[in-house]
């Protein structure tokens, strides 16, 4: 995407939580003929993620440690290969998210700014 389109936001979009696996990624690129500018990856220690999910206060029946660990295992086996793919392409932008929200936000904002958005 050229700088003018980036600056205007034309034809730019953010997809949250997708692709979840290699099949999603390959299908999206094949069908749309597009690839991403970059992938924003929030790095966080597993123990912190588990504690956050257990304490998020949404009252979900699946917010228990066993289910969370099962979801994390699915993430590691299905989604992590997608992250590694974009890392090999030099498109991964990792943000360490075990910090104050304002610090994480500042890093994310800088990534988008550097990319011309």
PDB file of N, CA and C in Angstrom:
ATOM      1  N   UNK A   1       0.851  -1.165   0.000  1.00  0.00           N
ATOM      2  CA  UNK A   1       0.000   0.000   0.000  1.00  0.00           C
ATOM      3  C   UNK A   1       0.899   1.230   0.000  1.00  0.00           C
ATOM      4  N   UNK A   2       0.566   2.219  -0.826  1.00  0.00           N
ATOM      5  CA  UNK A   2       1.417   3.399  -0.877  1.00  0.00           C
ATOM      6  C   UNK A   2       1.161   4.314   0.319  1.00  0.00           C
ATOM      7  N   UNK A   3       2.087   5.257   0.541  1.00  0.00           N
ATOM      8  CA  UNK A   3       2.044   6.122   1.728  1.00  0.00           C
ATOM      9  C   UNK A   3       0.780   6.964   1.797  1.00  0.00           C
ATOM     10  N   UNK A   4       0.293   7.472   0.656  1.00  0.00           N
ATOM     11  CA  UNK A   4      -0.918   8.304   0.657  1.00  0.00           C
ATOM     12  C   UNK A   4      -2.128   7.505   1.110  1.00  0.00           C
ATOM     13  N   UNK A   5      -2.259   6.286   0.616  1.00  0.00           N
ATOM     14  CA  UNK A   5      -3.386   5.442   1.035  1.00  0.00           C
ATOM     15  C   UNK A   5      -3.271   5.096   2.507  1.00  0.00           C
ATOM     16  N   UNK A   6      -2.046   4.826   2.955  1.00  0.00           N
ATOM     17  CA  UNK A   6      -1.860   4.519   4.378  1.00  0.00           C
ATOM     18  C   UNK A   6      -2.295   5.697   5.233  1.00  0.00           C
ATOM     19  N   UNK A   7      -1.827   6.878   4.881  1.00  0.00           N
ATOM     20  CA  UNK A   7      -2.120   8.071   5.676  1.00  0.00           C
ATOM     21  C   UNK A   7      -3.615   8.358   5.718  1.00  0.00           C
ATOM     22  N   UNK A   8      -4.316   8.095   4.633  1.00  0.00           N
ATOM     23  CA  UNK A   8      -5.752   8.376   4.585  1.00  0.00           C
ATOM     24  C   UNK A   8      -6.572   7.257   5.226  1.00  0.00           C
ATOM     25  N   UNK A   9      -5.960   6.098   5.367  1.00  0.00           N
ATOM     26  CA  UNK A   9      -6.695   4.956   5.896  1.00  0.00           C
ATOM     27  C   UNK A   9      -7.480   4.225   4.827  1.00  0.00           C
ATOM     28  N   UNK A  10      -7.413   4.700   3.568  1.00  0.00           N
ATOM     29  CA  UNK A  10      -8.132   4.052   2.475  1.00  0.00           C
ATOM     30  C   UNK A  10      -7.608   2.635   2.281  1.00  0.00           C
ATOM     31  N   UNK A  11      -8.523   1.711   2.137  1.00  0.00           N
ATOM     32  CA  UNK A  11      -8.184   0.313   1.889  1.00  0.00           C
ATOM     33  C   UNK A  11      -7.386  -0.328   3.014  1.00  0.00           C
ATOM     34  N   UNK A  12      -7.370   0.278   4.168  1.00  0.00           N
ATOM     35  CA  UNK A  12      -6.667  -0.306   5.309  1.00  0.00           C
ATOM     36  C   UNK A  12      -7.693  -0.874   6.280  1.00  0.00           C
ATOM     37  N   UNK A  13      -7.363  -2.007   6.857  1.00  0.00           N
ATOM     38  CA  UNK A  13      -8.248  -2.575   7.855  1.00  0.00           C
ATOM     39  C   UNK A  13      -7.443  -3.398   8.839  1.00  0.00           C
ATOM     40  N   UNK A  14      -8.030  -3.586   9.994  1.00  0.00           N
ATOM     41  CA  UNK A  14      -7.413  -4.337  11.069  1.00  0.00           C
ATOM     42  C   UNK A  14      -8.285  -5.555  11.335  1.00  0.00           C
ATOM     43  N   UNK A  15      -7.663  -6.722  11.348  1.00  0.00           N
ATOM     44  CA  UNK A  15      -8.389  -7.953  11.640  1.00  0.00           C
ATOM     45  C   UNK A  15      -7.873  -8.474  12.973  1.00  0.00           C
ATOM     46  N   UNK A  16      -8.767  -8.627  13.932  1.00  0.00           N
ATOM     47  CA  UNK A  16      -8.405  -9.079  15.271  1.00  0.00           C
ATOM     48  C   UNK A  16      -8.607 -10.581  15.389  1.00  0.00           C
ATOM     49  N   UNK A  17      -7.536 -11.300  15.759  1.00  0.00           N
ATOM     50  CA  UNK A  17      -7.661 -12.726  16.020  1.00  0.00           C
ATOM     51  C   UNK A  17      -7.736 -13.607  14.790  1.00  0.00           C
ATOM     52  N   UNK A  18      -7.320 -13.104  13.661  1.00  0.00           N
ATOM     53  CA  UNK A  18      -7.366 -13.876  12.417  1.00  0.00           C
ATOM     54  C   UNK A  18      -6.084 -13.648  11.665  1.00  0.00           C
ATOM     55  N   UNK A  19      -5.530 -14.615  11.049  1.00  0.00           N
ATOM     56  CA  UNK A  19      -5.977 -15.999  10.942  1.00  0.00           C
ATOM     57  C   UNK A  19      -5.606 -16.803  12.175  1.00  0.00           C
ATOM     58  N   UNK A  20      -6.448 -17.739  12.507  1.00  0.00           N
ATOM     59  CA  UNK A  20      -6.226 -18.566  13.703  1.00  0.00           C
ATOM     60  C   UNK A  20      -5.364 -19.787  13.406  1.00  0.00           C
ATOM     61  N   UNK A  21      -5.248 -20.124  12.130  1.00  0.00           N
ATOM     62  CA  UNK A  21      -4.424 -21.282  11.781  1.00  0.00           C
ATOM     63  C   UNK A  21      -3.882 -21.104  10.372  1.00  0.00           C
ATOM     64  N   UNK A  22      -3.002 -22.002   9.990  1.00  0.00           N
ATOM     65  CA  UNK A  22      -2.335 -21.904   8.693  1.00  0.00           C
ATOM     66  C   UNK A  22      -3.333 -21.995   7.535  1.00  0.00           C
ATOM     67  N   UNK A  23      -4.356 -22.817   7.680  1.00  0.00           N
ATOM     68  CA  UNK A  23      -5.372 -22.937   6.631  1.00  0.00           C
ATOM     69  C   UNK A  23      -6.099 -21.602   6.429  1.00  0.00           C
ATOM     70  N   UNK A  24      -6.473 -20.917   7.521  1.00  0.00           N
ATOM     71  CA  UNK A  24      -7.105 -19.591   7.413  1.00  0.00           C
ATOM     72  C   UNK A  24      -6.203 -18.619   6.667  1.00  0.00           C
ATOM     73  N   UNK A  25      -4.920 -18.618   7.046  1.00  0.00           N
ATOM     74  CA  UNK A  25      -3.971 -17.685   6.441  1.00  0.00           C
ATOM     75  C   UNK A  25      -3.843 -17.923   4.945  1.00  0.00           C
ATOM     76  N   UNK A  26      -3.597 -19.166   4.576  1.00  0.00           N
ATOM     77  CA  UNK A  26      -3.407 -19.495   3.163  1.00  0.00           C
ATOM     78  C   UNK A  26      -4.669 -19.209   2.348  1.00  0.00           C
ATOM     79  N   UNK A  27      -5.831 -19.542   2.879  1.00  0.00           N
ATOM     80  CA  UNK A  27      -7.098 -19.291   2.174  1.00  0.00           C
ATOM     81  C   UNK A  27      -7.344 -17.805   1.988  1.00  0.00           C
ATOM     82  N   UNK A  28      -7.119 -17.027   3.030  1.00  0.00           N
ATOM     83  CA  UNK A  28      -7.323 -15.581   2.938  1.00  0.00           C
ATOM     84  C   UNK A  28      -6.438 -14.985   1.849  1.00  0.00           C
ATOM     85  N   UNK A  29      -5.168 -15.347   1.842  1.00  0.00           N
ATOM     86  CA  UNK A  29      -4.242 -14.796   0.846  1.00  0.00           C
ATOM     87  C   UNK A  29      -4.601 -15.265  -0.562  1.00  0.00           C
ATOM     88  N   UNK A  30      -5.000 -16.523  -0.707  1.00  0.00           N
ATOM     89  CA  UNK A  30      -5.360 -17.048  -2.021  1.00  0.00           C
ATOM     90  C   UNK A  30      -6.635 -16.391  -2.549  1.00  0.00           C
ATOM     91  N   UNK A  31      -7.645 -16.259  -1.701  1.00  0.00           N
ATOM     92  CA  UNK A  31      -8.937 -15.717  -2.134  1.00  0.00           C
ATOM     93  C   UNK A  31      -8.860 -14.216  -2.402  1.00  0.00           C
ATOM     94  N   UNK A  32      -8.188 -13.478  -1.513  1.00  0.00           N
ATOM     95  CA  UNK A  32      -8.140 -12.021  -1.660  1.00  0.00           C
ATOM     96  C   UNK A  32      -6.994 -11.543  -2.540  1.00  0.00           C
ATOM     97  N   UNK A  33      -5.965 -12.374  -2.683  1.00  0.00           N
ATOM     98  CA  UNK A  33      -4.783 -11.934  -3.414  1.00  0.00           C
ATOM     99  C   UNK A  33      -3.978 -10.923  -2.624  1.00  0.00           C
ATOM    100  N   UNK A  34      -4.264 -10.816  -1.341  1.00  0.00           N
ATOM    101  CA  UNK A  34      -3.600  -9.840  -0.476  1.00  0.00           C
ATOM    102  C   UNK A  34      -2.811 -10.545   0.613  1.00  0.00           C
ATOM    103  N   UNK A  35      -1.841  -9.839   1.130  1.00  0.00           N
ATOM    104  CA  UNK A  35      -1.143 -10.263   2.322  1.00  0.00           C
ATOM    105  C   UNK A  35      -1.103  -9.066   3.262  1.00  0.00           C
ATOM    106  N   UNK A  36      -0.695  -9.268   4.459  1.00  0.00           N
ATOM    107  CA  UNK A  36      -0.740  -8.177   5.429  1.00  0.00           C
ATOM    108  C   UNK A  36       0.525  -7.327   5.380  1.00  0.00           C
ATOM    109  N   UNK A  37       0.373  -6.089   5.835  1.00  0.00           N
ATOM    110  CA  UNK A  37       1.527  -5.199   5.993  1.00  0.00           C
ATOM    111  C   UNK A  37       2.383  -5.688   7.153  1.00  0.00           C
ATOM    112  N   UNK A  38       1.714  -6.007   8.254  1.00  0.00           N
ATOM    113  CA  UNK A  38       2.399  -6.533   9.428  1.00  0.00           C
ATOM    114  C   UNK A  38       1.399  -7.235  10.329  1.00  0.00           C
ATOM    115  N   UNK A  39       1.938  -8.033  11.242  1.00  0.00           N
ATOM    116  CA  UNK A  39       1.129  -8.737  12.231  1.00  0.00           C
ATOM    117  C   UNK A  39       1.529  -8.210  13.597  1.00  0.00           C
ATOM    118  N   UNK A  40       0.555  -7.768  14.337  1.00  0.00           N
ATOM    119  CA  UNK A  40       0.776  -7.268  15.687  1.00  0.00           C
ATOM    120  C   UNK A  40       0.578  -8.421  16.652  1.00  0.00           C
ATOM    121  N   UNK A  41       1.618  -8.722  17.398  1.00  0.00           N
ATOM    122  CA  UNK A  41       1.602  -9.880  18.287  1.00  0.00           C
ATOM    123  C   UNK A  41       1.871  -9.416  19.712  1.00  0.00           C
ATOM    124  N   UNK A  42       0.909  -9.679  20.592  1.00  0.00           N
ATOM    125  CA  UNK A  42       1.048  -9.302  21.990  1.00  0.00           C
ATOM    126  C   UNK A  42       1.662 -10.471  22.755  1.00  0.00           C
ATOM    127  N   UNK A  43       2.922 -10.329  23.111  1.00  0.00           N
ATOM    128  CA  UNK A  43       3.635 -11.355  23.867  1.00  0.00           C
ATOM    129  C   UNK A  43       3.306 -11.221  25.344  1.00  0.00           C
ATOM    130  N   UNK A  44       3.023 -12.339  25.972  1.00  0.00           N
ATOM    131  CA  UNK A  44       2.682 -12.311  27.388  1.00  0.00           C
ATOM    132  C   UNK A  44       2.998 -13.675  27.990  1.00  0.00           C
ATOM    133  N   UNK A  45       3.612 -13.706  29.162  1.00  0.00           N
ATOM    134  CA  UNK A  45       3.883 -14.994  29.794  1.00  0.00           C
ATOM    135  C   UNK A  45       2.585 -15.765  30.054  1.00  0.00           C
ATOM    136  N   UNK A  46       2.649 -17.075  29.890  1.00  0.00           N
ATOM    137  CA  UNK A  46       1.457 -17.909  30.035  1.00  0.00           C
ATOM    138  C   UNK A  46       0.784 -17.728  31.398  1.00  0.00           C
ATOM    139  N   UNK A  47       1.561 -17.677  32.456  1.00  0.00           N
ATOM    140  CA  UNK A  47       0.982 -17.518  33.789  1.00  0.00           C
ATOM    141  C   UNK A  47       0.191 -16.229  33.924  1.00  0.00           C
ATOM    142  N   UNK A  48       0.681 -15.167  33.317  1.00  0.00           N
ATOM    143  CA  UNK A  48      -0.031 -13.888  33.347  1.00  0.00           C
ATOM    144  C   UNK A  48      -1.336 -13.997  32.566  1.00  0.00           C
ATOM    145  N   UNK A  49      -1.284 -14.651  31.395  1.00  0.00           N
ATOM    146  CA  UNK A  49      -2.509 -14.825  30.604  1.00  0.00           C
ATOM    147  C   UNK A  49      -3.552 -15.611  31.388  1.00  0.00           C
ATOM    148  N   UNK A  50      -3.127 -16.689  32.015  1.00  0.00           N
ATOM    149  CA  UNK A  50      -4.065 -17.512  32.788  1.00  0.00           C
ATOM    150  C   UNK A  50      -4.688 -16.688  33.905  1.00  0.00           C
ATOM    151  N   UNK A  51      -3.870 -15.962  34.647  1.00  0.00           N
ATOM    152  CA  UNK A  51      -4.402 -15.130  35.738  1.00  0.00           C
ATOM    153  C   UNK A  51      -5.359 -14.066  35.227  1.00  0.00           C
ATOM    154  N   UNK A  52      -5.033 -13.446  34.105  1.00  0.00           N
ATOM    155  CA  UNK A  52      -5.928 -12.428  33.544  1.00  0.00           C
ATOM    156  C   UNK A  52      -7.272 -13.028  33.163  1.00  0.00           C
ATOM    157  N   UNK A  53      -7.247 -14.185  32.539  1.00  0.00           N
ATOM    158  CA  UNK A  53      -8.499 -14.823  32.137  1.00  0.00           C
ATOM    159  C   UNK A  53      -9.321 -15.279  33.335  1.00  0.00           C
ATOM    160  N   UNK A  54      -8.646 -15.793  34.347  1.00  0.00           N
ATOM    161  CA  UNK A  54      -9.361 -16.236  35.545  1.00  0.00           C
ATOM    162  C   UNK A  54      -9.975 -15.071  36.305  1.00  0.00           C
ATOM    163  N   UNK A  55      -9.386 -13.898  36.167  1.00  0.00           N
ATOM    164  CA  UNK A  55      -9.837 -12.746  36.944  1.00  0.00           C
ATOM    165  C   UNK A  55     -10.512 -11.662  36.110  1.00  0.00           C
ATOM    166  N   UNK A  56     -10.925 -11.979  34.890  1.00  0.00           N
ATOM    167  CA  UNK A  56     -11.510 -10.936  34.047  1.00  0.00           C
ATOM    168  C   UNK A  56     -12.940 -10.588  34.422  1.00  0.00           C
ATOM    169  N   UNK A  57     -13.556 -11.405  35.265  1.00  0.00           N
ATOM    170  CA  UNK A  57     -14.859 -11.048  35.820  1.00  0.00           C
ATOM    171  C   UNK A  57     -16.005 -11.057  34.841  1.00  0.00           C
ATOM    172  N   UNK A  58     -15.930 -11.857  33.802  1.00  0.00           N
ATOM    173  CA  UNK A  58     -17.023 -11.910  32.835  1.00  0.00           C
ATOM    174  C   UNK A  58     -18.034 -12.997  33.162  1.00  0.00           C
ATOM    175  N   UNK A  59     -17.718 -13.817  34.139  1.00  0.00           N
ATOM    176  CA  UNK A  59     -18.659 -14.851  34.554  1.00  0.00           C
ATOM    177  C   UNK A  59     -18.856 -15.963  33.548  1.00  0.00           C
ATOM    178  N   UNK A  60     -17.916 -16.142  32.633  1.00  0.00           N
ATOM    179  CA  UNK A  60     -18.037 -17.203  31.648  1.00  0.00           C
ATOM    180  C   UNK A  60     -17.816 -18.557  32.327  1.00  0.00           C
ATOM    181  N   UNK A  61     -18.616 -19.520  31.939  1.00  0.00           N
ATOM    182  CA  UNK A  61     -18.502 -20.849  32.537  1.00  0.00           C
ATOM    183  C   UNK A  61     -17.194 -21.533  32.167  1.00  0.00           C
ATOM    184  N   UNK A  62     -16.585 -21.106  31.056  1.00  0.00           N
ATOM    185  CA  UNK A  62     -15.332 -21.736  30.640  1.00  0.00           C
ATOM    186  C   UNK A  62     -14.098 -20.992  31.149  1.00  0.00           C
ATOM    187  N   UNK A  63     -14.285 -20.050  32.052  1.00  0.00           N
ATOM    188  CA  UNK A  63     -13.150 -19.359  32.665  1.00  0.00           C
ATOM    189  C   UNK A  63     -12.659 -20.142  33.882  1.00  0.00           C
ATOM    190  N   UNK A  64     -12.128 -21.309  33.596  1.00  0.00           N
ATOM    191  CA  UNK A  64     -11.498 -22.114  34.640  1.00  0.00           C
ATOM    192  C   UNK A  64     -10.141 -22.548  34.108  1.00  0.00           C
ATOM    193  N   UNK A  65      -9.253 -22.905  35.004  1.00  0.00           N
ATOM    194  CA  UNK A  65      -7.876 -23.159  34.598  1.00  0.00           C
ATOM    195  C   UNK A  65      -7.742 -24.292  33.579  1.00  0.00           C
ATOM    196  N   UNK A  66      -8.488 -25.356  33.743  1.00  0.00           N
ATOM    197  CA  UNK A  66      -8.383 -26.491  32.820  1.00  0.00           C
ATOM    198  C   UNK A  66      -8.767 -26.088  31.400  1.00  0.00           C
ATOM    199  N   UNK A  67      -9.867 -25.367  31.266  1.00  0.00           N
ATOM    200  CA  UNK A  67     -10.326 -24.941  29.945  1.00  0.00           C
ATOM    201  C   UNK A  67      -9.370 -23.922  29.344  1.00  0.00           C
ATOM    202  N   UNK A  68      -8.878 -23.015  30.165  1.00  0.00           N
ATOM    203  CA  UNK A  68      -7.925 -22.007  29.679  1.00  0.00           C
ATOM    204  C   UNK A  68      -6.659 -22.690  29.170  1.00  0.00           C
ATOM    205  N   UNK A  69      -6.160 -23.641  29.903  1.00  0.00           N
ATOM    206  CA  UNK A  69      -4.940 -24.365  29.478  1.00  0.00           C
ATOM    207  C   UNK A  69      -5.196 -25.139  28.175  1.00  0.00           C
ATOM    208  N   UNK A  70      -6.393 -25.681  28.029  1.00  0.00           N
ATOM    209  CA  UNK A  70      -6.744 -26.375  26.789  1.00  0.00           C
ATOM    210  C   UNK A  70      -6.773 -25.389  25.622  1.00  0.00           C
ATOM    211  N   UNK A  71      -7.350 -24.208  25.832  1.00  0.00           N
ATOM    212  CA  UNK A  71      -7.383 -23.186  24.776  1.00  0.00           C
ATOM    213  C   UNK A  71      -5.974 -22.724  24.430  1.00  0.00           C
ATOM    214  N   UNK A  72      -5.113 -22.583  25.439  1.00  0.00           N
ATOM    215  CA  UNK A  72      -3.729 -22.185  25.183  1.00  0.00           C
ATOM    216  C   UNK A  72      -2.998 -23.257  24.375  1.00  0.00           C
ATOM    217  N   UNK A  73      -3.241 -24.511  24.673  1.00  0.00           N
ATOM    218  CA  UNK A  73      -2.619 -25.589  23.913  1.00  0.00           C
ATOM    219  C   UNK A  73      -3.053 -25.536  22.447  1.00  0.00           C
ATOM    220  N   UNK A  74      -4.339 -25.298  22.223  1.00  0.00           N
ATOM    221  CA  UNK A  74      -4.841 -25.151  20.848  1.00  0.00           C
ATOM    222  C   UNK A  74      -4.159 -23.979  20.167  1.00  0.00           C
ATOM    223  N   UNK A  75      -4.004 -22.880  20.889  1.00  0.00           N
ATOM    224  CA  UNK A  75      -3.317 -21.707  20.343  1.00  0.00           C
ATOM    225  C   UNK A  75      -1.882 -22.065  19.934  1.00  0.00           C
ATOM    226  N   UNK A  76      -1.161 -22.738  20.822  1.00  0.00           N
ATOM    227  CA  UNK A  76       0.239 -23.082  20.526  1.00  0.00           C
ATOM    228  C   UNK A  76       0.352 -23.986  19.304  1.00  0.00           C
ATOM    229  N   UNK A  77      -0.563 -24.945  19.153  1.00  0.00           N
ATOM    230  CA  UNK A  77      -0.459 -25.877  18.038  1.00  0.00           C
ATOM    231  C   UNK A  77      -1.047 -25.327  16.734  1.00  0.00           C
ATOM    232  N   UNK A  78      -2.076 -24.484  16.821  1.00  0.00           N
ATOM    233  CA  UNK A  78      -2.744 -23.989  15.609  1.00  0.00           C
ATOM    234  C   UNK A  78      -2.312 -22.592  15.189  1.00  0.00           C
ATOM    235  N   UNK A  79      -2.249 -21.675  16.135  1.00  0.00           N
ATOM    236  CA  UNK A  79      -1.988 -20.278  15.795  1.00  0.00           C
ATOM    237  C   UNK A  79      -0.506 -19.916  15.762  1.00  0.00           C
ATOM    238  N   UNK A  80       0.281 -20.543  16.603  1.00  0.00           N
ATOM    239  CA  UNK A  80       1.698 -20.194  16.664  1.00  0.00           C
ATOM    240  C   UNK A  80       2.420 -20.402  15.330  1.00  0.00           C
ATOM    241  N   UNK A  81       2.098 -21.435  14.543  1.00  0.00           N
ATOM    242  CA  UNK A  81       2.739 -21.544  13.228  1.00  0.00           C
ATOM    243  C   UNK A  81       2.458 -20.335  12.320  1.00  0.00           C
ATOM    244  N   UNK A  82       1.309 -19.714  12.464  1.00  0.00           N
ATOM    245  CA  UNK A  82       0.995 -18.513  11.686  1.00  0.00           C
ATOM    246  C   UNK A  82       1.899 -17.359  12.133  1.00  0.00           C
ATOM    247  N   UNK A  83       2.053 -17.204  13.440  1.00  0.00           N
ATOM    248  CA  UNK A  83       2.941 -16.171  13.987  1.00  0.00           C
ATOM    249  C   UNK A  83       4.363 -16.393  13.474  1.00  0.00           C
ATOM    250  N   UNK A  84       4.812 -17.637  13.515  1.00  0.00           N
ATOM    251  CA  UNK A  84       6.162 -17.960  13.047  1.00  0.00           C
ATOM    252  C   UNK A  84       6.325 -17.688  11.555  1.00  0.00           C
ATOM    253  N   UNK A  85       5.279 -17.937  10.772  1.00  0.00           N
ATOM    254  CA  UNK A  85       5.302 -17.653   9.334  1.00  0.00           C
ATOM    255  C   UNK A  85       5.562 -16.165   9.084  1.00  0.00           C
ATOM    256  N   UNK A  86       4.784 -15.322   9.756  1.00  0.00           N
ATOM    257  CA  UNK A  86       4.952 -13.880   9.554  1.00  0.00           C
ATOM    258  C   UNK A  86       6.273 -13.373  10.130  1.00  0.00           C
ATOM    259  N   UNK A  87       6.757 -14.018  11.171  1.00  0.00           N
ATOM    260  CA  UNK A  87       8.069 -13.658  11.716  1.00  0.00           C
ATOM    261  C   UNK A  87       9.156 -13.943  10.681  1.00  0.00           C
ATOM    262  N   UNK A  88       9.082 -15.099  10.021  1.00  0.00           N
ATOM    263  CA  UNK A  88      10.070 -15.438   8.983  1.00  0.00           C
ATOM    264  C   UNK A  88      10.034 -14.432   7.834  1.00  0.00           C
ATOM    265  N   UNK A  89       8.859 -13.871   7.567  1.00  0.00           N
ATOM    266  CA  UNK A  89       8.719 -12.880   6.488  1.00  0.00           C
ATOM    267  C   UNK A  89       9.128 -11.473   6.934  1.00  0.00           C
ATOM    268  N   UNK A  90       9.455 -11.312   8.209  1.00  0.00           N
ATOM    269  CA  UNK A  90       9.824  -9.995   8.725  1.00  0.00           C
ATOM    270  C   UNK A  90       8.632  -9.078   8.941  1.00  0.00           C
ATOM    271  N   UNK A  91       7.443  -9.665   9.071  1.00  0.00           N
ATOM    272  CA  UNK A  91       6.223  -8.875   9.225  1.00  0.00           C
ATOM    273  C   UNK A  91       5.673  -8.880  10.645  1.00  0.00           C
ATOM    274  N   UNK A  92       6.351  -9.544  11.555  1.00  0.00           N
ATOM    275  CA  UNK A  92       5.859  -9.638  12.927  1.00  0.00           C
ATOM    276  C   UNK A  92       6.310  -8.420  13.726  1.00  0.00           C
ATOM    277  N   UNK A  93       5.373  -7.801  14.423  1.00  0.00           N
ATOM    278  CA  UNK A  93       5.667  -6.681  15.319  1.00  0.00           C
ATOM    279  C   UNK A  93       5.197  -7.108  16.701  1.00  0.00           C
ATOM    280  N   UNK A  94       6.135  -7.487  17.540  1.00  0.00           N
ATOM    281  CA  UNK A  94       5.805  -8.000  18.862  1.00  0.00           C
ATOM    282  C   UNK A  94       5.800  -6.879  19.890  1.00  0.00           C
ATOM    283  N   UNK A  95       4.829  -6.941  20.770  1.00  0.00           N
ATOM    284  CA  UNK A  95       4.711  -5.987  21.867  1.00  0.00           C
ATOM    285  C   UNK A  95       4.624  -6.803  23.152  1.00  0.00           C
ATOM    286  N   UNK A  96       5.530  -6.539  24.071  1.00  0.00           N
ATOM    287  CA  UNK A  96       5.479  -7.227  25.356  1.00  0.00           C
ATOM    288  C   UNK A  96       4.347  -6.604  26.160  1.00  0.00           C
ATOM    289  N   UNK A  97       3.337  -7.385  26.460  1.00  0.00           N
ATOM    290  CA  UNK A  97       2.107  -6.836  27.039  1.00  0.00           C
ATOM    291  C   UNK A  97       1.952  -7.063  28.534  1.00  0.00           C
ATOM    292  N   UNK A  98       2.992  -7.485  29.190  1.00  0.00           N
ATOM    293  CA  UNK A  98       2.927  -7.657  30.637  1.00  0.00           C
ATOM    294  C   UNK A  98       3.406  -6.369  31.312  1.00  0.00           C
ATOM    295  N   UNK A  99       2.788  -5.271  30.910  1.00  0.00           N
ATOM    296  CA  UNK A  99       3.136  -3.952  31.434  1.00  0.00           C
ATOM    297  C   UNK A  99       1.858  -3.141  31.598  1.00  0.00           C
ATOM    298  N   UNK A 100       2.036  -1.923  32.025  1.00  0.00           N
ATOM    299  CA  UNK A 100       0.893  -1.018  32.159  1.00  0.00           C
ATOM    300  C   UNK A 100       0.248  -0.794  30.794  1.00  0.00           C
ATOM    301  N   UNK A 101      -1.065  -0.659  30.781  1.00  0.00           N
ATOM    302  CA  UNK A 101      -1.807  -0.483  29.543  1.00  0.00           C
ATOM    303  C   UNK A 101      -1.288   0.703  28.727  1.00  0.00           C
ATOM    304  N   UNK A 102      -0.960   1.813  29.387  1.00  0.00           N
ATOM    305  CA  UNK A 102      -0.491   2.994  28.650  1.00  0.00           C
ATOM    306  C   UNK A 102       0.844   2.733  27.955  1.00  0.00           C
ATOM    307  N   UNK A 103       1.687   1.885  28.541  1.00  0.00           N
ATOM    308  CA  UNK A 103       2.966   1.545  27.915  1.00  0.00           C
ATOM    309  C   UNK A 103       2.747   0.660  26.686  1.00  0.00           C
ATOM    310  N   UNK A 104       1.856  -0.302  26.810  1.00  0.00           N
ATOM    311  CA  UNK A 104       1.530  -1.178  25.686  1.00  0.00           C
ATOM    312  C   UNK A 104       0.927  -0.344  24.563  1.00  0.00           C
ATOM    313  N   UNK A 105       0.001   0.533  24.913  1.00  0.00           N
ATOM    314  CA  UNK A 105      -0.640   1.397  23.914  1.00  0.00           C
ATOM    315  C   UNK A 105       0.395   2.258  23.189  1.00  0.00           C
ATOM    316  N   UNK A 106       1.342   2.811  23.914  1.00  0.00           N
ATOM    317  CA  UNK A 106       2.372   3.655  23.299  1.00  0.00           C
ATOM    318  C   UNK A 106       3.186   2.853  22.282  1.00  0.00           C
ATOM    319  N   UNK A 107       3.518   1.621  22.616  1.00  0.00           N
ATOM    320  CA  UNK A 107       4.255   0.778  21.677  1.00  0.00           C
ATOM    321  C   UNK A 107       3.424   0.465  20.435  1.00  0.00           C
ATOM    322  N   UNK A 108       2.157   0.133  20.623  1.00  0.00           N
ATOM    323  CA  UNK A 108       1.272  -0.175  19.494  1.00  0.00           C
ATOM    324  C   UNK A 108       1.121   1.053  18.609  1.00  0.00           C
ATOM    325  N   UNK A 109       0.916   2.186  19.224  1.00  0.00           N
ATOM    326  CA  UNK A 109       0.772   3.425  18.453  1.00  0.00           C
ATOM    327  C   UNK A 109       2.022   3.699  17.616  1.00  0.00           C
ATOM    328  N   UNK A 110       3.191   3.473  18.197  1.00  0.00           N
ATOM    329  CA  UNK A 110       4.446   3.693  17.472  1.00  0.00           C
ATOM    330  C   UNK A 110       4.578   2.732  16.290  1.00  0.00           C
ATOM    331  N   UNK A 111       4.156   1.501  16.470  1.00  0.00           N
ATOM    332  CA  UNK A 111       4.210   0.523  15.369  1.00  0.00           C
ATOM    333  C   UNK A 111       3.353   1.003  14.201  1.00  0.00           C
ATOM    334  N   UNK A 112       2.135   1.448  14.484  1.00  0.00           N
ATOM    335  CA  UNK A 112       1.254   1.942  13.414  1.00  0.00           C
ATOM    336  C   UNK A 112       1.821   3.218  12.791  1.00  0.00           C
ATOM    337  N   UNK A 113       2.366   4.073  13.596  1.00  0.00           N
ATOM    338  CA  UNK A 113       2.969   5.317  13.086  1.00  0.00           C
ATOM    339  C   UNK A 113       4.144   5.001  12.160  1.00  0.00           C
ATOM    340  N   UNK A 114       5.005   4.100  12.591  1.00  0.00           N
ATOM    341  CA  UNK A 114       6.163   3.706  11.784  1.00  0.00           C
ATOM    342  C   UNK A 114       5.721   3.095  10.457  1.00  0.00           C
ATOM    343  N   UNK A 115       4.614   2.372  10.481  1.00  0.00           N
ATOM    344  CA  UNK A 115       4.092   1.754   9.266  1.00  0.00           C
ATOM    345  C   UNK A 115       3.363   2.749   8.361  1.00  0.00           C
ATOM    346  N   UNK A 116       3.215   3.981   8.835  1.00  0.00           N
ATOM    347  CA  UNK A 116       2.576   5.010   8.007  1.00  0.00           C
ATOM    348  C   UNK A 116       1.080   5.113   8.180  1.00  0.00           C
ATOM    349  N   UNK A 117       0.559   4.593   9.262  1.00  0.00           N
ATOM    350  CA  UNK A 117      -0.891   4.679   9.508  1.00  0.00           C
ATOM    351  C   UNK A 117      -1.176   5.741  10.557  1.00  0.00           C
TER     352      UNK A 117
END
